[in-house]
N, C-alpha and C. Protein backbone atom coordinates (compact mmCIF):
# COMPACT_ATOMS: atom_id res chain seq x y z
N MET A 1 0.84 -1.18 0.00
CA MET A 1 0.00 0.00 0.00
C MET A 1 0.89 1.24 0.00
N ASN A 2 0.61 2.17 -0.88
CA ASN A 2 1.38 3.41 -0.98
C ASN A 2 0.74 4.51 -0.14
N THR A 3 1.56 5.48 0.23
CA THR A 3 1.03 6.62 0.98
C THR A 3 0.44 7.64 0.02
N LEU A 4 -0.44 8.48 0.53
CA LEU A 4 -1.05 9.53 -0.27
C LEU A 4 -0.40 10.88 -0.02
N ILE A 5 0.24 11.03 1.13
CA ILE A 5 0.82 12.32 1.52
C ILE A 5 2.30 12.14 1.80
N GLU A 6 3.10 13.03 1.21
CA GLU A 6 4.55 12.97 1.42
C GLU A 6 4.97 13.72 2.67
N MET A 7 4.32 14.88 2.94
CA MET A 7 4.73 15.70 4.07
C MET A 7 3.53 16.50 4.58
N VAL A 8 3.50 16.74 5.90
CA VAL A 8 2.45 17.54 6.52
C VAL A 8 3.11 18.63 7.35
N TYR A 9 2.59 19.85 7.24
CA TYR A 9 3.06 20.97 8.04
C TYR A 9 2.00 21.29 9.10
N VAL A 10 2.43 21.40 10.36
CA VAL A 10 1.52 21.65 11.47
C VAL A 10 1.96 22.93 12.18
N ASP A 11 0.99 23.81 12.46
CA ASP A 11 1.25 25.00 13.26
C ASP A 11 1.24 24.54 14.71
N LEU A 12 2.38 24.61 15.38
CA LEU A 12 2.49 24.08 16.73
C LEU A 12 1.71 24.90 17.75
N GLU A 13 1.52 26.18 17.49
CA GLU A 13 0.76 27.00 18.43
C GLU A 13 -0.73 26.67 18.38
N THR A 14 -1.30 26.56 17.18
CA THR A 14 -2.73 26.31 17.04
C THR A 14 -3.05 24.82 16.96
N LYS A 15 -2.01 24.00 16.77
CA LYS A 15 -2.15 22.55 16.64
C LYS A 15 -3.07 22.18 15.48
N LYS A 16 -2.92 22.93 14.37
CA LYS A 16 -3.72 22.66 13.17
C LYS A 16 -2.80 22.38 11.99
N VAL A 17 -3.27 21.54 11.10
CA VAL A 17 -2.55 21.28 9.85
C VAL A 17 -2.66 22.53 8.99
N THR A 18 -1.53 23.04 8.54
CA THR A 18 -1.53 24.24 7.72
C THR A 18 -1.26 23.95 6.25
N ALA A 19 -0.60 22.84 5.96
CA ALA A 19 -0.30 22.49 4.57
C ALA A 19 0.07 21.01 4.50
N LEU A 20 -0.07 20.47 3.31
CA LEU A 20 0.41 19.12 3.09
C LEU A 20 0.96 19.01 1.68
N ILE A 21 1.89 18.10 1.51
CA ILE A 21 2.48 17.82 0.21
C ILE A 21 1.97 16.44 -0.21
N PRO A 22 1.07 16.39 -1.19
CA PRO A 22 0.53 15.10 -1.62
C PRO A 22 1.48 14.39 -2.58
N THR A 23 1.28 13.10 -2.72
CA THR A 23 1.99 12.37 -3.78
C THR A 23 1.42 12.85 -5.11
N LEU A 24 2.07 12.52 -6.21
CA LEU A 24 1.60 12.97 -7.52
C LEU A 24 0.18 12.48 -7.82
N ALA A 25 -0.10 11.22 -7.51
CA ALA A 25 -1.42 10.66 -7.79
C ALA A 25 -2.49 11.35 -6.95
N PHE A 26 -2.22 11.56 -5.67
CA PHE A 26 -3.20 12.21 -4.79
C PHE A 26 -3.34 13.68 -5.16
N GLY A 27 -2.26 14.31 -5.61
CA GLY A 27 -2.32 15.69 -6.06
C GLY A 27 -3.24 15.84 -7.26
N ALA A 28 -3.19 14.88 -8.18
CA ALA A 28 -4.07 14.90 -9.34
C ALA A 28 -5.53 14.74 -8.90
N LEU A 29 -5.77 13.90 -7.92
CA LEU A 29 -7.12 13.72 -7.40
C LEU A 29 -7.62 15.01 -6.74
N LEU A 30 -6.76 15.69 -5.97
CA LEU A 30 -7.14 16.96 -5.35
C LEU A 30 -7.43 18.03 -6.40
N ASP A 31 -6.62 18.06 -7.46
CA ASP A 31 -6.88 19.01 -8.56
C ASP A 31 -8.26 18.80 -9.15
N ARG A 32 -8.61 17.55 -9.37
CA ARG A 32 -9.92 17.23 -9.94
C ARG A 32 -11.04 17.62 -8.96
N ALA A 33 -10.83 17.38 -7.69
CA ALA A 33 -11.83 17.74 -6.68
C ALA A 33 -12.07 19.25 -6.67
N MET A 34 -11.01 20.02 -6.88
CA MET A 34 -11.16 21.48 -6.91
C MET A 34 -11.95 21.93 -8.14
N GLU A 35 -11.84 21.21 -9.24
CA GLU A 35 -12.63 21.54 -10.44
C GLU A 35 -14.12 21.28 -10.20
N VAL A 36 -14.41 20.20 -9.49
CA VAL A 36 -15.79 19.81 -9.24
C VAL A 36 -16.44 20.67 -8.17
N ALA A 37 -15.69 21.04 -7.13
CA ALA A 37 -16.25 21.79 -6.00
C ALA A 37 -15.37 23.01 -5.69
N PRO A 38 -15.37 24.03 -6.56
CA PRO A 38 -14.48 25.17 -6.38
C PRO A 38 -14.83 26.08 -5.20
N ASP A 39 -16.01 25.92 -4.58
CA ASP A 39 -16.41 26.79 -3.48
C ASP A 39 -15.98 26.28 -2.10
N LYS A 40 -15.25 25.21 -2.04
CA LYS A 40 -14.85 24.63 -0.77
C LYS A 40 -13.69 25.40 -0.15
N PRO A 41 -13.56 25.37 1.19
CA PRO A 41 -12.49 26.13 1.88
C PRO A 41 -11.13 25.45 1.78
N LEU A 42 -10.65 25.31 0.58
CA LEU A 42 -9.38 24.65 0.32
C LEU A 42 -8.77 25.31 -0.90
N PHE A 43 -7.47 25.50 -0.89
CA PHE A 43 -6.81 26.00 -2.09
C PHE A 43 -5.51 25.25 -2.28
N LEU A 44 -5.14 25.12 -3.53
CA LEU A 44 -3.91 24.41 -3.90
C LEU A 44 -2.92 25.40 -4.48
N THR A 45 -1.69 25.27 -4.08
CA THR A 45 -0.63 26.09 -4.65
C THR A 45 0.32 25.17 -5.39
N PRO A 46 1.00 25.69 -6.41
CA PRO A 46 1.95 24.85 -7.14
C PRO A 46 3.07 24.38 -6.22
N LEU A 47 3.53 23.18 -6.44
CA LEU A 47 4.61 22.63 -5.66
C LEU A 47 5.91 23.33 -6.01
N LYS A 48 6.64 23.79 -5.00
CA LYS A 48 7.93 24.44 -5.21
C LYS A 48 9.03 23.49 -4.77
N GLN A 49 10.11 23.51 -5.49
CA GLN A 49 11.28 22.74 -5.09
C GLN A 49 12.01 23.53 -4.01
N GLU A 50 12.22 22.91 -2.87
CA GLU A 50 12.92 23.60 -1.79
C GLU A 50 14.39 23.25 -1.85
N SER A 51 15.21 24.24 -1.61
CA SER A 51 16.65 24.02 -1.54
C SER A 51 17.04 23.91 -0.08
N VAL A 52 17.55 22.78 0.29
CA VAL A 52 17.96 22.56 1.67
C VAL A 52 19.46 22.48 1.72
N GLY A 53 20.07 23.23 2.60
CA GLY A 53 21.50 23.17 2.77
C GLY A 53 22.29 24.02 1.79
N VAL A 54 21.65 24.87 1.02
CA VAL A 54 22.36 25.72 0.09
C VAL A 54 23.08 26.80 0.86
N GLY A 55 24.31 27.07 0.50
CA GLY A 55 25.06 28.15 1.15
C GLY A 55 26.07 27.66 2.17
N GLY A 56 26.38 26.40 2.16
CA GLY A 56 27.38 25.89 3.08
C GLY A 56 26.74 25.27 4.31
N ASP A 57 27.59 24.92 5.26
CA ASP A 57 27.07 24.25 6.45
C ASP A 57 26.72 25.22 7.57
N GLY A 58 26.90 26.52 7.33
CA GLY A 58 26.55 27.50 8.34
C GLY A 58 27.66 27.81 9.32
N GLY A 59 28.78 27.13 9.22
CA GLY A 59 29.85 27.32 10.18
C GLY A 59 30.95 28.25 9.71
N GLU A 60 30.97 28.58 8.43
CA GLU A 60 32.07 29.39 7.93
C GLU A 60 31.60 30.81 7.66
N SER A 61 32.56 31.72 7.62
CA SER A 61 32.28 33.11 7.29
C SER A 61 32.33 33.27 5.78
N ASN A 62 31.35 33.99 5.22
CA ASN A 62 31.32 34.21 3.77
C ASN A 62 31.89 35.57 3.39
N SER A 63 32.37 36.34 4.37
CA SER A 63 32.92 37.67 4.06
C SER A 63 34.31 37.53 3.49
N ALA A 64 34.71 38.52 2.69
CA ALA A 64 36.03 38.50 2.03
C ALA A 64 37.11 39.03 2.93
């Protein structure tokens, strides 16, 4: 059995889910659901590629 969600973001103060990253198949299903029911309290944003660790390890000085 495969998962439907790759990642979930939770607001720790309000203890509410604020965002989720679906798998490609589940994302396609959500897109279709938005076409059928556009008045629902849900919105989808395009998936962005996040850069993790860019800029070094944080321990060195970058000044000249």
